[in-house]
Amino acid sequence: MSKGLSIAFKVAFYLYLAAVAVLCFGNFQSLPSVSSTILGIPTDKIVHFCMFFPFPILAFLAYDKFTGTRKSVVIFALITFAVGCTVAAATEIGQALLTDYRSGDPTDFLADFLALLSSSLIATWLDIRKLSR
């Protein structure tokens, strides 16, 4: 990967993290309400899933040079997953402790966890596949 592309992916990753922070801590009560469920799934859980799904993929794109062997791919995936879960937990704890307009919700963390898990598996599979070429 070229140095310019690597820098672009790092910038994208950190802009994404900033967007997650805004989405998690912003006060959006003045916005019009949306449907409470989509296909029977609570809308806020879908939003949480979509919000955390890009984390592992962007991390792999931003720091791809660290994954030169299958073992390093798996280790990087585990670390990325753990860091993503830490960010997700910190946002829920922060919402509960630092805001009076948001609340920490364990089921939001579950949606984040499932997004991180599925995206980590996809990114790991793609990175291992890349090594096989």
N, C-alpha and C. Protein backbone atom coordinates (compact mmCIF):
# COMPACT_ATOMS: atom_id res chain seq x y z
N MET A 1 0.85 -1.17 0.00
CA MET A 1 0.00 0.00 0.00
C MET A 1 0.90 1.24 0.00
N SER A 2 0.53 2.24 -0.80
CA SER A 2 1.34 3.45 -0.88
C SER A 2 1.23 4.25 0.42
N LYS A 3 2.25 5.08 0.65
CA LYS A 3 2.28 5.89 1.87
C LYS A 3 1.09 6.86 1.91
N GLY A 4 0.75 7.44 0.75
CA GLY A 4 -0.38 8.38 0.69
C GLY A 4 -1.69 7.70 1.04
N LEU A 5 -1.89 6.49 0.53
CA LEU A 5 -3.12 5.75 0.82
C LEU A 5 -3.16 5.35 2.29
N SER A 6 -2.03 4.96 2.83
CA SER A 6 -1.95 4.60 4.24
C SER A 6 -2.33 5.80 5.12
N ILE A 7 -1.83 6.96 4.79
CA ILE A 7 -2.17 8.17 5.55
C ILE A 7 -3.66 8.48 5.41
N ALA A 8 -4.20 8.33 4.21
CA ALA A 8 -5.62 8.60 3.99
C ALA A 8 -6.49 7.67 4.84
N PHE A 9 -6.13 6.40 4.91
CA PHE A 9 -6.90 5.46 5.74
C PHE A 9 -6.78 5.80 7.22
N LYS A 10 -5.61 6.24 7.66
CA LYS A 10 -5.46 6.65 9.07
C LYS A 10 -6.32 7.87 9.37
N VAL A 11 -6.32 8.84 8.47
CA VAL A 11 -7.16 10.02 8.65
C VAL A 11 -8.64 9.60 8.69
N ALA A 12 -9.04 8.73 7.77
CA ALA A 12 -10.43 8.25 7.74
C ALA A 12 -10.79 7.55 9.06
N PHE A 13 -9.87 6.75 9.58
CA PHE A 13 -10.12 6.03 10.84
C PHE A 13 -10.34 7.01 11.99
N TYR A 14 -9.51 8.04 12.08
CA TYR A 14 -9.64 8.99 13.18
C TYR A 14 -10.85 9.91 12.99
N LEU A 15 -11.19 10.24 11.76
CA LEU A 15 -12.43 10.99 11.51
C LEU A 15 -13.64 10.14 11.90
N TYR A 16 -13.57 8.86 11.59
CA TYR A 16 -14.64 7.94 11.98
C TYR A 16 -14.80 7.92 13.50
N LEU A 17 -13.68 7.83 14.24
CA LEU A 17 -13.74 7.83 15.71
C LEU A 17 -14.36 9.13 16.24
N ALA A 18 -14.02 10.25 15.61
CA ALA A 18 -14.60 11.53 16.01
C ALA A 18 -16.12 11.53 15.75
N ALA A 19 -16.53 10.96 14.62
CA ALA A 19 -17.96 10.88 14.30
C ALA A 19 -18.68 10.00 15.31
N VAL A 20 -18.07 8.90 15.72
CA VAL A 20 -18.67 8.02 16.74
C VAL A 20 -18.85 8.80 18.04
N ALA A 21 -17.84 9.57 18.42
CA ALA A 21 -17.94 10.36 19.65
C ALA A 21 -19.09 11.36 19.57
N VAL A 22 -19.23 12.02 18.44
CA VAL A 22 -20.32 12.98 18.27
C VAL A 22 -21.66 12.26 18.34
N LEU A 23 -21.77 11.14 17.66
CA LEU A 23 -23.03 10.39 17.66
C LEU A 23 -23.38 9.85 19.05
N CYS A 24 -22.37 9.45 19.79
CA CYS A 24 -22.62 8.87 21.12
C CYS A 24 -22.90 9.92 22.19
N PHE A 25 -22.32 11.11 22.04
CA PHE A 25 -22.46 12.11 23.10
C PHE A 25 -23.25 13.35 22.69
N GLY A 26 -23.66 13.42 21.42
CA GLY A 26 -24.45 14.55 20.98
C GLY A 26 -25.86 14.51 21.55
N ASN A 27 -26.44 15.68 21.66
CA ASN A 27 -27.82 15.79 22.15
C ASN A 27 -28.72 15.97 20.93
N PHE A 28 -29.42 14.93 20.56
CA PHE A 28 -30.24 14.94 19.35
C PHE A 28 -31.73 14.92 19.67
N GLN A 29 -32.10 15.38 20.85
CA GLN A 29 -33.50 15.33 21.26
C GLN A 29 -34.39 16.25 20.44
N SER A 30 -33.81 17.28 19.81
CA SER A 30 -34.62 18.21 19.04
C SER A 30 -34.93 17.70 17.63
N LEU A 31 -34.31 16.61 17.24
CA LEU A 31 -34.57 16.04 15.91
C LEU A 31 -35.91 15.32 15.91
N PRO A 32 -36.55 15.24 14.76
CA PRO A 32 -37.82 14.50 14.70
C PRO A 32 -37.60 13.03 15.05
N SER A 33 -38.60 12.41 15.65
CA SER A 33 -38.47 11.01 16.03
C SER A 33 -38.61 10.12 14.80
N VAL A 34 -38.03 8.95 14.89
CA VAL A 34 -38.11 7.97 13.81
C VAL A 34 -38.83 6.74 14.34
N SER A 35 -39.12 5.83 13.45
CA SER A 35 -39.79 4.59 13.85
C SER A 35 -38.98 3.91 14.96
N SER A 36 -39.67 3.38 15.93
CA SER A 36 -38.96 2.77 17.07
C SER A 36 -38.36 1.41 16.72
N THR A 37 -38.87 0.77 15.66
CA THR A 37 -38.31 -0.51 15.23
C THR A 37 -38.21 -0.56 13.71
N ILE A 38 -37.29 -1.37 13.25
CA ILE A 38 -37.16 -1.70 11.83
C ILE A 38 -37.11 -3.21 11.75
N LEU A 39 -38.10 -3.79 11.11
CA LEU A 39 -38.23 -5.25 11.02
C LEU A 39 -38.23 -5.89 12.41
N GLY A 40 -38.81 -5.20 13.37
CA GLY A 40 -38.91 -5.73 14.73
C GLY A 40 -37.68 -5.52 15.59
N ILE A 41 -36.64 -4.93 15.02
CA ILE A 41 -35.41 -4.66 15.77
C ILE A 41 -35.44 -3.20 16.19
N PRO A 42 -35.16 -2.89 17.46
CA PRO A 42 -35.14 -1.49 17.88
C PRO A 42 -34.18 -0.66 17.02
N THR A 43 -34.65 0.48 16.56
CA THR A 43 -33.87 1.33 15.66
C THR A 43 -32.53 1.72 16.27
N ASP A 44 -32.51 2.03 17.56
CA ASP A 44 -31.24 2.45 18.15
C ASP A 44 -30.21 1.32 18.16
N LYS A 45 -30.65 0.08 18.19
CA LYS A 45 -29.70 -1.06 18.14
C LYS A 45 -29.11 -1.18 16.73
N ILE A 46 -29.93 -0.93 15.72
CA ILE A 46 -29.44 -0.95 14.34
C ILE A 46 -28.43 0.18 14.14
N VAL A 47 -28.72 1.35 14.71
CA VAL A 47 -27.79 2.47 14.61
C VAL A 47 -26.47 2.11 15.29
N HIS A 48 -26.54 1.51 16.47
CA HIS A 48 -25.31 1.12 17.16
C HIS A 48 -24.52 0.09 16.35
N PHE A 49 -25.21 -0.87 15.77
CA PHE A 49 -24.53 -1.87 14.94
C PHE A 49 -23.83 -1.19 13.77
N CYS A 50 -24.54 -0.32 13.08
CA CYS A 50 -23.96 0.38 11.92
C CYS A 50 -22.82 1.31 12.33
N MET A 51 -22.92 1.87 13.51
CA MET A 51 -21.90 2.80 13.98
C MET A 51 -20.57 2.08 14.28
N PHE A 52 -20.63 0.87 14.82
CA PHE A 52 -19.40 0.18 15.20
C PHE A 52 -18.91 -0.84 14.18
N PHE A 53 -19.71 -1.17 13.19
CA PHE A 53 -19.29 -2.13 12.17
C PHE A 53 -18.01 -1.70 11.43
N PRO A 54 -17.85 -0.42 11.08
CA PRO A 54 -16.64 -0.02 10.34
C PRO A 54 -15.33 -0.07 11.13
N PHE A 55 -15.41 -0.09 12.45
CA PHE A 55 -14.20 0.02 13.28
C PHE A 55 -13.09 -0.97 12.88
N PRO A 56 -13.34 -2.28 12.88
CA PRO A 56 -12.25 -3.22 12.54
C PRO A 56 -11.76 -3.08 11.09
N ILE A 57 -12.67 -2.84 10.19
CA ILE A 57 -12.27 -2.72 8.78
C ILE A 57 -11.38 -1.50 8.58
N LEU A 58 -11.77 -0.37 9.15
CA LEU A 58 -10.94 0.83 9.04
C LEU A 58 -9.60 0.66 9.75
N ALA A 59 -9.61 -0.04 10.88
CA ALA A 59 -8.35 -0.29 11.60
C ALA A 59 -7.41 -1.15 10.75
N PHE A 60 -7.95 -2.18 10.10
CA PHE A 60 -7.12 -3.01 9.24
C PHE A 60 -6.59 -2.20 8.06
N LEU A 61 -7.42 -1.35 7.48
CA LEU A 61 -6.96 -0.54 6.35
C LEU A 61 -5.91 0.48 6.79
N ALA A 62 -6.10 1.06 7.97
CA ALA A 62 -5.17 2.08 8.45
C ALA A 62 -3.83 1.50 8.89
N TYR A 63 -3.84 0.28 9.41
CA TYR A 63 -2.63 -0.31 9.98
C TYR A 63 -2.28 -1.65 9.37
N ASP A 64 -2.52 -1.80 8.09
CA ASP A 64 -2.33 -3.06 7.38
C ASP A 64 -0.90 -3.57 7.43
N LYS A 65 0.06 -2.71 7.55
CA LYS A 65 1.46 -3.16 7.51
C LYS A 65 1.83 -4.05 8.70
N PHE A 66 0.99 -4.10 9.72
CA PHE A 66 1.28 -4.93 10.88
C PHE A 66 0.83 -6.37 10.70
N THR A 67 0.21 -6.72 9.58
CA THR A 67 -0.37 -8.05 9.41
C THR A 67 0.28 -8.77 8.24
N GLY A 68 1.50 -9.26 8.45
CA GLY A 68 2.23 -9.93 7.39
C GLY A 68 2.14 -11.45 7.42
N THR A 69 1.68 -12.02 8.53
CA THR A 69 1.54 -13.47 8.63
C THR A 69 0.14 -13.78 9.17
N ARG A 70 -0.28 -15.04 9.01
CA ARG A 70 -1.60 -15.42 9.53
C ARG A 70 -1.70 -15.18 11.04
N LYS A 71 -0.64 -15.52 11.74
CA LYS A 71 -0.64 -15.33 13.20
C LYS A 71 -0.79 -13.84 13.54
N SER A 72 -0.05 -12.98 12.82
CA SER A 72 -0.15 -11.54 13.12
C SER A 72 -1.52 -10.99 12.74
N VAL A 73 -2.16 -11.56 11.72
CA VAL A 73 -3.52 -11.14 11.34
C VAL A 73 -4.48 -11.45 12.49
N VAL A 74 -4.39 -12.64 13.04
CA VAL A 74 -5.28 -13.05 14.13
C VAL A 74 -5.01 -12.22 15.38
N ILE A 75 -3.75 -12.00 15.70
CA ILE A 75 -3.41 -11.19 16.88
C ILE A 75 -3.93 -9.77 16.69
N PHE A 76 -3.71 -9.20 15.51
CA PHE A 76 -4.20 -7.85 15.23
C PHE A 76 -5.72 -7.79 15.33
N ALA A 77 -6.39 -8.82 14.83
CA ALA A 77 -7.86 -8.87 14.90
C ALA A 77 -8.33 -8.91 16.35
N LEU A 78 -7.68 -9.70 17.18
CA LEU A 78 -8.06 -9.79 18.59
C LEU A 78 -7.84 -8.46 19.31
N ILE A 79 -6.71 -7.83 19.02
CA ILE A 79 -6.42 -6.53 19.63
C ILE A 79 -7.43 -5.48 19.16
N THR A 80 -7.70 -5.46 17.86
CA THR A 80 -8.65 -4.50 17.30
C THR A 80 -10.04 -4.72 17.90
N PHE A 81 -10.45 -5.97 18.01
CA PHE A 81 -11.74 -6.29 18.61
C PHE A 81 -11.79 -5.82 20.06
N ALA A 82 -10.73 -6.08 20.82
CA ALA A 82 -10.68 -5.67 22.23
C ALA A 82 -10.71 -4.15 22.37
N VAL A 83 -9.97 -3.45 21.53
CA VAL A 83 -9.97 -1.98 21.57
C VAL A 83 -11.36 -1.46 21.20
N GLY A 84 -11.97 -2.04 20.17
CA GLY A 84 -13.31 -1.63 19.78
C GLY A 84 -14.33 -1.84 20.90
N CYS A 85 -14.23 -2.98 21.58
CA CYS A 85 -15.13 -3.24 22.71
C CYS A 85 -14.88 -2.25 23.84
N THR A 86 -13.63 -1.88 24.05
CA THR A 86 -13.30 -0.89 25.08
C THR A 86 -13.91 0.47 24.73
N VAL A 87 -13.80 0.86 23.47
CA VAL A 87 -14.40 2.12 23.02
C VAL A 87 -15.92 2.07 23.21
N ALA A 88 -16.54 0.95 22.81
CA ALA A 88 -17.99 0.80 22.94
C ALA A 88 -18.42 0.87 24.41
N ALA A 89 -17.71 0.18 25.27
CA ALA A 89 -18.03 0.20 26.70
C ALA A 89 -17.83 1.60 27.28
N ALA A 90 -16.75 2.26 26.87
CA ALA A 90 -16.47 3.61 27.38
C ALA A 90 -17.56 4.58 26.96
N THR A 91 -18.10 4.43 25.76
CA THR A 91 -19.16 5.34 25.33
C THR A 91 -20.42 5.13 26.18
N GLU A 92 -20.74 3.87 26.46
CA GLU A 92 -21.93 3.61 27.28
C GLU A 92 -21.74 4.10 28.71
N ILE A 93 -20.58 3.87 29.27
CA ILE A 93 -20.30 4.34 30.63
C ILE A 93 -20.27 5.86 30.65
N GLY A 94 -19.65 6.46 29.64
CA GLY A 94 -19.60 7.91 29.55
C GLY A 94 -20.98 8.53 29.42
N GLN A 95 -21.84 7.90 28.62
CA GLN A 95 -23.21 8.40 28.49
C GLN A 95 -23.93 8.37 29.84
N ALA A 96 -23.72 7.31 30.57
CA ALA A 96 -24.40 7.17 31.87
C ALA A 96 -23.87 8.16 32.90
N LEU A 97 -22.58 8.40 32.90
CA LEU A 97 -21.96 9.21 33.95
C LEU A 97 -21.80 10.69 33.59
N LEU A 98 -21.66 10.99 32.31
CA LEU A 98 -21.30 12.36 31.92
C LEU A 98 -22.43 13.17 31.30
N THR A 99 -23.53 12.53 30.96
CA THR A 99 -24.62 13.27 30.34
C THR A 99 -25.91 13.08 31.14
N ASP A 100 -26.78 14.07 31.03
CA ASP A 100 -28.09 13.92 31.65
C ASP A 100 -29.16 13.69 30.59
N TYR A 101 -28.76 13.66 29.33
CA TYR A 101 -29.70 13.46 28.22
C TYR A 101 -29.51 12.12 27.52
N ARG A 102 -28.53 11.34 27.94
CA ARG A 102 -28.28 10.00 27.39
C ARG A 102 -28.16 9.03 28.56
N SER A 103 -28.36 7.75 28.28
CA SER A 103 -28.19 6.75 29.33
C SER A 103 -27.35 5.61 28.80
N GLY A 104 -26.58 4.99 29.67
CA GLY A 104 -25.82 3.80 29.29
C GLY A 104 -26.76 2.62 29.21
N ASP A 105 -26.65 1.84 28.16
CA ASP A 105 -27.57 0.72 27.94
C ASP A 105 -26.77 -0.52 27.57
N PRO A 106 -26.83 -1.57 28.39
CA PRO A 106 -26.09 -2.80 28.08
C PRO A 106 -26.49 -3.40 26.72
N THR A 107 -27.73 -3.22 26.30
CA THR A 107 -28.12 -3.79 25.00
C THR A 107 -27.54 -2.98 23.85
N ASP A 108 -27.24 -1.69 24.08
CA ASP A 108 -26.50 -0.93 23.07
C ASP A 108 -25.10 -1.51 22.93
N PHE A 109 -24.48 -1.83 24.07
CA PHE A 109 -23.15 -2.44 24.02
C PHE A 109 -23.21 -3.79 23.30
N LEU A 110 -24.27 -4.55 23.51
CA LEU A 110 -24.42 -5.83 22.82
C LEU A 110 -24.47 -5.63 21.31
N ALA A 111 -25.19 -4.62 20.85
CA ALA A 111 -25.24 -4.32 19.42
C ALA A 111 -23.85 -3.92 18.91
N ASP A 112 -23.13 -3.12 19.69
CA ASP A 112 -21.76 -2.73 19.33
C ASP A 112 -20.86 -3.96 19.25
N PHE A 113 -20.98 -4.83 20.25
CA PHE A 113 -20.19 -6.05 20.33
C PHE A 113 -20.42 -6.93 19.11
N LEU A 114 -21.68 -7.12 18.73
CA LEU A 114 -22.01 -7.96 17.57
C LEU A 114 -21.47 -7.35 16.28
N ALA A 115 -21.54 -6.04 16.17
CA ALA A 115 -20.99 -5.36 14.98
C ALA A 115 -19.48 -5.55 14.92
N LEU A 116 -18.81 -5.35 16.05
CA LEU A 116 -17.35 -5.50 16.11
C LEU A 116 -16.94 -6.94 15.81
N LEU A 117 -17.69 -7.90 16.36
CA LEU A 117 -17.37 -9.30 16.13
C LEU A 117 -17.51 -9.66 14.66
N SER A 118 -18.65 -9.32 14.06
CA SER A 118 -18.87 -9.69 12.67
C SER A 118 -17.89 -8.98 11.74
N SER A 119 -17.64 -7.71 11.98
CA SER A 119 -16.71 -6.97 11.15
C SER A 119 -15.27 -7.45 11.33
N SER A 120 -14.91 -7.82 12.55
CA SER A 120 -13.57 -8.37 12.80
C SER A 120 -13.37 -9.68 12.04
N LEU A 121 -14.38 -10.52 12.06
CA LEU A 121 -14.28 -11.80 11.32
C LEU A 121 -14.14 -11.56 9.83
N ILE A 122 -14.90 -10.61 9.29
CA ILE A 122 -14.80 -10.30 7.86
C ILE A 122 -13.43 -9.74 7.52
N ALA A 123 -12.95 -8.77 8.31
CA ALA A 123 -11.64 -8.17 8.06
C ALA A 123 -10.52 -9.21 8.18
N THR A 124 -10.62 -10.10 9.15
CA THR A 124 -9.61 -11.15 9.32
C THR A 124 -9.61 -12.08 8.12
N TRP A 125 -10.79 -12.50 7.70
CA TRP A 125 -10.90 -13.39 6.54
C TRP A 125 -10.31 -12.73 5.29
N LEU A 126 -10.65 -11.45 5.07
CA LEU A 126 -10.12 -10.75 3.90
C LEU A 126 -8.60 -10.60 3.97
N ASP A 127 -8.07 -10.32 5.15
CA ASP A 127 -6.63 -10.14 5.30
C ASP A 127 -5.90 -11.47 5.12
N ILE A 128 -6.43 -12.55 5.64
CA ILE A 128 -5.80 -13.86 5.45
C ILE A 128 -5.87 -14.25 3.98
N ARG A 129 -6.97 -13.95 3.34
CA ARG A 129 -7.13 -14.23 1.91
C ARG A 129 -6.09 -13.47 1.09
N LYS A 130 -5.85 -12.22 1.50
CA LYS A 130 -4.85 -11.39 0.82
C LYS A 130 -3.47 -12.01 0.94
N LEU A 131 -3.16 -12.59 2.11
CA LEU A 131 -1.86 -13.22 2.31
C LEU A 131 -1.68 -14.45 1.43
N SER A 132 -2.76 -15.12 1.11
CA SER A 132 -2.70 -16.35 0.34
C SER A 132 -2.42 -16.10 -1.13
N ARG A 133 -2.54 -14.88 -1.57
CA ARG A 133 -2.30 -14.57 -3.00
C ARG A 133 -0.85 -14.43 -3.30
